[in-house]
Amino acid sequence: MLCQQKGVLPGSDFYFFTPSAVARERLFYFTSLGHFFCDLGYRIEREEDYGNYLLLLVKKGRLMISVEGKKSQVKAGDMAFLNCHLPHGYYAAGYTEFLWIHFDGSNAGRFYRDIISNFGGRNVFCPDRVRHMEDKLREIISNCRYEKAITEYDDSLNIYQLLIELSKNVLGSGQPVDAAGEKVIDETLQYIRENLNKELSVGMIADHVGMSESHFSRRFRKVMNSSPKEYIIRKRLNEAKRLLKTTPLTIKEIAFYVGFNSESHFINTFTAQNGLSPKKFREFPL
């Protein structure tokens, strides 16, 4: 099919979707997607809310984009993530090939804000596993091209997988770890387990594994997708939950047993993280 959009060349592929009420309420959903070959005449300018977000991956050439007044270029091998609820634009700087999906729904906005924020406010990036991202985009487009029996739940899962993969790339988590790095993390987790009821600082753990505090913190976050301090708190709360359900220990005893320095600190932290107090958690049936 030949697109009437100026600058879109023959051989381009594109599809449209109208989400169901269920998809709008609960899922991620596509509004349009495609594989474009463009020349210098291709230009998009949108001043009003287009009702979705845009993920694109440039295969050849360059796209110039503008989001909220910020201009960037997307070269071959790069991806861009645009908030199309806000004024935006993009155009081909010569012959360009790119894959794209417009989508929305569920917590797409939160994913967008987190990814862009953690990439220094930039809308353009080069993922470590860009080939994996490209394969997923091509799979999605192929499903449309050959009219495969894909449900809105499958579509939502595909979008979610793209966003998770992009989050892992941008945040640096989930990346392969060398043997030395794996040994450091294993030693760290064991040390935390064995000393959960004692005072634990990031500096103490870093000293234990023979690293500077800053280097250790970066290494830990890259692998565990969490700061060491946050991880310790979560481990303490997990152990507290187990004790609340399996022992007659008082809340104060549990607080000190898992390493909190006061009962009130434990109760406040537990309630903030879980939405209910330790007492209420203990009373709720599993």
Protein backbone atom coordinates (compact mmCIF):
# COMPACT_ATOMS: atom_id res chain seq x y z
CA MET A 1 0.00 0.00 0.00
CA LEU A 2 1.24 3.45 -0.91
CA CYS A 3 1.19 6.06 1.84
CA GLN A 4 -0.04 9.49 0.76
CA GLN A 5 2.14 11.23 3.36
CA LYS A 6 4.67 13.42 1.56
CA GLY A 7 8.17 11.97 1.63
CA VAL A 8 7.13 8.37 2.37
CA LEU A 9 8.55 6.13 -0.37
CA PRO A 10 7.08 2.98 -1.99
CA GLY A 11 7.80 -0.19 -0.02
CA SER A 12 6.83 1.43 3.27
CA ASP A 13 4.56 -0.58 5.54
CA PHE A 14 2.08 0.77 8.11
CA TYR A 15 -0.98 -0.30 10.12
CA PHE A 16 -3.62 1.28 12.36
CA PHE A 17 -5.40 0.11 15.51
CA THR A 18 -8.50 1.13 17.42
CA PRO A 19 -8.17 -0.21 20.98
CA SER A 20 -11.10 -1.77 22.80
CA ALA A 21 -12.48 -0.27 26.01
CA VAL A 22 -10.71 -3.04 27.95
CA ALA A 23 -7.37 -2.21 26.32
CA ARG A 24 -7.76 1.50 27.03
CA GLU A 25 -8.52 0.81 30.66
CA ARG A 26 -6.07 -1.98 31.48
CA LEU A 27 -3.45 -2.59 28.80
CA PHE A 28 -0.78 -1.09 26.62
CA TYR A 29 -2.10 -0.73 23.07
CA PHE A 30 -0.92 0.31 19.62
CA THR A 31 -2.53 3.14 17.71
CA SER A 32 -0.34 2.78 14.61
CA LEU A 33 2.98 1.27 13.60
CA GLY A 34 5.11 0.74 10.54
CA HIS A 35 8.37 0.47 8.64
CA PHE A 36 9.08 3.62 6.61
CA PHE A 37 11.46 4.48 3.82
CA CYS A 38 11.58 8.26 3.45
CA ASP A 39 13.33 11.04 1.56
CA LEU A 40 14.02 14.65 2.40
CA GLY A 41 10.34 15.59 1.97
CA TYR A 42 9.17 13.61 4.99
CA ARG A 43 8.24 15.98 7.81
CA ILE A 44 5.84 15.70 10.76
CA GLU A 45 4.79 18.67 12.94
CA ARG A 46 2.15 18.18 15.65
CA GLU A 47 1.13 21.04 17.95
CA GLU A 48 -1.81 19.28 19.61
CA ASP A 49 -2.09 16.13 21.72
CA TYR A 50 -1.69 13.15 19.36
CA GLY A 51 -2.87 10.80 22.11
CA ASN A 52 0.09 8.44 22.39
CA TYR A 53 3.83 7.87 22.71
CA LEU A 54 6.26 7.07 19.89
CA LEU A 55 9.15 4.62 19.85
CA LEU A 56 11.28 4.56 16.72
CA LEU A 57 14.52 2.94 15.58
CA VAL A 58 16.53 4.33 12.67
CA LYS A 59 18.10 1.74 10.37
CA LYS A 60 19.62 4.05 7.75
CA GLY A 61 20.01 7.79 7.41
CA ARG A 62 18.97 10.31 10.06
CA LEU A 63 15.83 11.73 11.61
CA MET A 64 15.81 15.14 13.24
CA ILE A 65 13.37 15.36 16.14
CA SER A 66 11.97 18.12 18.34
CA VAL A 67 10.21 17.47 21.66
CA GLU A 68 9.12 20.33 23.91
CA GLY A 69 11.50 22.61 22.04
CA LYS A 70 14.52 20.31 22.40
CA LYS A 71 16.11 19.25 19.11
CA SER A 72 18.11 16.05 18.56
CA GLN A 73 19.24 13.83 15.74
CA VAL A 74 18.53 10.10 15.54
CA LYS A 75 21.20 8.39 13.47
CA ALA A 76 21.43 4.79 12.26
CA GLY A 77 21.41 2.42 15.26
CA ASP A 78 19.75 4.95 17.55
CA MET A 79 16.30 4.86 19.09
CA ALA A 80 14.05 7.74 20.12
CA PHE A 81 11.19 7.89 22.62
CA LEU A 82 8.76 10.79 22.15
CA ASN A 83 5.80 12.01 24.18
CA CYS A 84 3.22 12.73 21.50
CA HIS A 85 0.81 14.17 24.06
CA LEU A 86 3.00 17.28 23.84
CA PRO A 87 4.03 19.39 20.81
CA HIS A 88 6.65 17.53 18.79
CA GLY A 89 8.05 17.08 15.32
CA TYR A 90 10.48 15.04 13.27
CA TYR A 91 11.77 14.97 9.70
CA ALA A 92 14.13 12.96 7.51
CA ALA A 93 17.54 14.52 6.83
CA GLY A 94 17.83 12.77 3.48
CA TYR A 95 17.07 9.14 2.67
CA THR A 96 16.04 7.42 5.91
CA GLU A 97 14.71 4.00 6.92
CA PHE A 98 13.12 3.53 10.32
CA LEU A 99 10.77 1.28 12.32
CA TRP A 100 8.16 2.94 14.51
CA ILE A 101 5.24 2.31 16.86
CA HIS A 102 2.71 4.73 18.32
CA PHE A 103 1.26 3.34 21.56
CA ASP A 104 -0.35 4.34 24.82
CA GLY A 105 -2.24 2.92 27.77
CA SER A 106 -1.59 1.46 31.20
CA ASN A 107 1.41 3.22 32.78
CA ALA A 108 3.08 4.27 29.52
CA GLY A 109 3.57 7.78 30.86
CA ARG A 110 5.44 6.54 33.90
CA PHE A 111 7.73 4.41 31.74
CA TYR A 112 8.39 7.42 29.52
CA ARG A 113 9.22 9.73 32.43
CA ASP A 114 11.47 7.19 34.15
CA ILE A 115 13.39 6.25 31.01
CA ILE A 116 13.90 9.83 29.86
CA SER A 117 14.81 10.99 33.38
CA ASN A 118 17.37 8.24 33.84
CA PHE A 119 18.91 9.10 30.49
CA GLY A 120 19.57 12.68 31.50
CA GLY A 121 16.42 14.11 29.94
CA ARG A 122 17.42 13.01 26.43
CA ASN A 123 14.92 11.45 24.03
CA VAL A 124 17.55 9.73 21.88
CA PHE A 125 19.78 6.83 22.92
CA CYS A 126 21.73 3.90 21.52
CA PRO A 127 20.69 0.71 23.37
CA ASP A 128 23.35 -1.89 24.12
CA ARG A 129 21.08 -4.55 22.63
CA VAL A 130 19.67 -2.55 19.75
CA ARG A 131 19.49 -5.67 17.56
CA HIS A 132 17.21 -7.30 20.13
CA MET A 133 14.97 -4.22 20.09
CA GLU A 134 14.93 -4.25 16.30
CA ASP A 135 13.98 -7.94 16.21
CA LYS A 136 11.03 -7.27 18.53
CA LEU A 137 9.86 -4.33 16.41
CA ARG A 138 10.12 -6.40 13.23
CA GLU A 139 8.20 -9.24 14.90
CA ILE A 140 5.38 -6.86 15.84
CA ILE A 141 5.21 -5.39 12.33
CA SER A 142 5.35 -8.86 10.78
CA ASN A 143 2.39 -9.96 12.90
CA CYS A 144 0.38 -7.18 11.30
CA ARG A 145 1.68 -7.77 7.77
CA TYR A 146 0.68 -11.43 7.81
CA GLU A 147 -2.47 -10.86 9.90
CA LYS A 148 -1.49 -13.31 12.60
CA ALA A 149 -4.05 -14.07 15.29
CA ILE A 150 -2.63 -11.73 17.92
CA THR A 151 -4.87 -10.55 20.75
CA GLU A 152 -4.74 -7.18 22.50
CA TYR A 153 -3.21 -8.99 25.46
CA ASP A 154 -0.39 -10.21 23.21
CA ASP A 155 0.05 -6.68 21.85
CA SER A 156 0.22 -5.32 25.39
CA LEU A 157 2.85 -7.92 26.33
CA ASN A 158 4.95 -7.01 23.27
CA ILE A 159 4.88 -3.33 24.19
CA TYR A 160 5.73 -4.15 27.79
CA GLN A 161 8.69 -6.27 26.69
CA LEU A 162 9.97 -3.37 24.58
CA LEU A 163 9.68 -0.96 27.48
CA ILE A 164 11.34 -3.34 29.93
CA GLU A 165 14.20 -4.01 27.52
CA LEU A 166 14.62 -0.29 26.97
CA SER A 167 14.55 0.36 30.72
CA LYS A 168 17.25 -2.26 31.28
CA ASN A 169 19.41 -0.70 28.59
CA VAL A 170 19.00 2.85 29.81
CA LEU A 171 19.34 2.10 33.52
CA GLY A 172 22.22 -0.31 32.95
CA SER A 173 20.55 -3.15 34.84
CA GLY A 174 20.24 -6.69 33.66
CA GLN A 175 23.51 -6.52 31.73
CA PRO A 176 25.90 -9.47 31.61
CA VAL A 177 28.27 -9.57 34.58
CA ASP A 178 31.82 -10.88 34.39
CA ALA A 179 33.03 -13.58 36.78
CA ALA A 180 34.71 -11.07 39.10
CA GLY A 181 31.59 -8.90 39.20
CA GLU A 182 29.38 -11.89 39.89
CA LYS A 183 31.65 -12.92 42.78
CA VAL A 184 31.38 -9.42 44.30
CA ILE A 185 27.58 -9.47 44.14
CA ASP A 186 27.41 -13.00 45.59
CA GLU A 187 29.69 -11.96 48.48
CA THR A 188 27.59 -8.84 49.04
CA LEU A 189 24.28 -10.68 49.20
CA GLN A 190 25.71 -13.29 51.56
CA TYR A 191 27.19 -10.58 53.81
CA ILE A 192 23.83 -8.78 53.95
CA ARG A 193 21.99 -12.01 54.78
CA GLU A 194 24.40 -12.86 57.59
CA ASN A 195 24.34 -9.35 59.09
CA LEU A 196 20.77 -8.29 58.49
CA ASN A 197 20.08 -7.73 62.19
CA LYS A 198 23.20 -5.59 62.66
CA GLU A 199 24.17 -2.10 61.62
CA LEU A 200 24.84 -2.14 57.90
CA SER A 201 26.16 0.79 55.90
CA VAL A 202 27.15 0.93 52.26
CA GLY A 203 30.69 1.82 53.35
CA MET A 204 30.93 -1.29 55.55
CA ILE A 205 29.78 -3.55 52.72
CA ALA A 206 32.14 -1.89 50.24
CA ASP A 207 35.05 -2.43 52.63
CA HIS A 208 34.07 -6.08 53.01
CA VAL A 209 34.26 -6.71 49.26
CA GLY A 210 37.37 -4.55 48.81
CA MET A 211 35.92 -1.71 46.73
CA SER A 212 35.42 2.02 47.09
CA GLU A 213 31.92 2.99 48.20
CA SER A 214 31.10 4.82 44.95
CA HIS A 215 32.42 2.03 42.69
CA PHE A 216 30.61 -0.60 44.72
CA SER A 217 27.32 1.33 44.64
CA ARG A 218 27.49 1.69 40.85
CA ARG A 219 28.30 -2.01 40.39
CA PHE A 220 25.51 -3.10 42.73
CA ARG A 221 22.87 -0.87 41.09
CA LYS A 222 23.87 -2.04 37.61
CA VAL A 223 23.24 -5.67 38.52
CA MET A 224 20.45 -5.44 41.09
CA ASN A 225 18.54 -2.41 39.72
CA SER A 226 18.54 -0.98 43.24
CA SER A 227 20.86 0.95 45.52
CA PRO A 228 22.50 -1.11 48.29
CA LYS A 229 20.59 0.88 50.93
CA GLU A 230 17.23 0.26 49.27
CA TYR A 231 18.04 -3.45 48.87
CA ILE A 232 18.89 -3.78 52.58
CA ILE A 233 15.61 -2.15 53.60
CA ARG A 234 13.64 -4.47 51.31
CA LYS A 235 15.44 -7.53 52.70
CA ARG A 236 14.69 -6.42 56.25
CA LEU A 237 11.04 -5.89 55.43
CA ASN A 238 10.82 -9.30 53.74
CA GLU A 239 12.26 -10.98 56.82
CA ALA A 240 9.91 -8.98 59.04
CA LYS A 241 6.93 -10.22 57.02
CA ARG A 242 8.07 -13.80 57.48
CA LEU A 243 8.44 -13.32 61.22
CA LEU A 244 5.06 -11.59 61.52
CA LYS A 245 3.39 -14.61 59.94
CA THR A 246 5.40 -17.41 61.54
CA THR A 247 6.34 -16.32 65.08
CA PRO A 248 4.69 -14.85 68.20
CA LEU A 249 7.44 -12.19 68.47
CA THR A 250 6.17 -8.70 69.27
CA ILE A 251 6.44 -5.98 66.67
CA LYS A 252 9.15 -4.31 68.72
CA GLU A 253 11.14 -7.54 68.93
CA ILE A 254 10.82 -8.07 65.19
CA ALA A 255 11.90 -4.50 64.50
CA PHE A 256 15.19 -4.96 66.33
CA TYR A 257 15.62 -8.53 65.09
CA VAL A 258 15.70 -7.39 61.45
CA GLY A 259 18.00 -4.45 62.09
CA PHE A 260 15.83 -1.38 62.64
CA ASN A 261 17.05 0.96 65.36
CA SER A 262 13.57 1.71 66.74
CA GLU A 263 10.07 0.30 66.70
CA SER A 264 8.61 3.54 65.32
CA HIS A 265 11.12 3.63 62.45
CA PHE A 266 10.22 0.06 61.57
CA ILE A 267 6.47 0.72 61.69
CA ASN A 268 6.74 3.88 59.59
CA THR A 269 8.95 2.21 56.98
CA PHE A 270 6.84 -0.94 56.83
CA THR A 271 3.61 1.05 56.47
CA ALA A 272 5.03 3.34 53.78
CA GLN A 273 6.31 0.40 51.73
CA ASN A 274 3.30 -1.90 52.10
CA GLY A 275 0.31 0.35 52.58
CA LEU A 276 -0.61 -1.19 55.92
CA SER A 277 0.95 -1.45 59.37
CA PRO A 278 2.84 -4.53 60.65
CA LYS A 279 -0.09 -5.21 62.98
CA LYS A 280 -2.58 -5.18 60.09
CA PHE A 281 -0.24 -7.30 57.96
CA ARG A 282 -0.05 -9.90 60.73
CA GLU A 283 -3.85 -10.01 60.96
CA PHE A 284 -4.47 -10.36 57.23
CA PRO A 285 -4.79 -13.98 56.01
CA LEU A 286 -2.39 -15.18 53.36
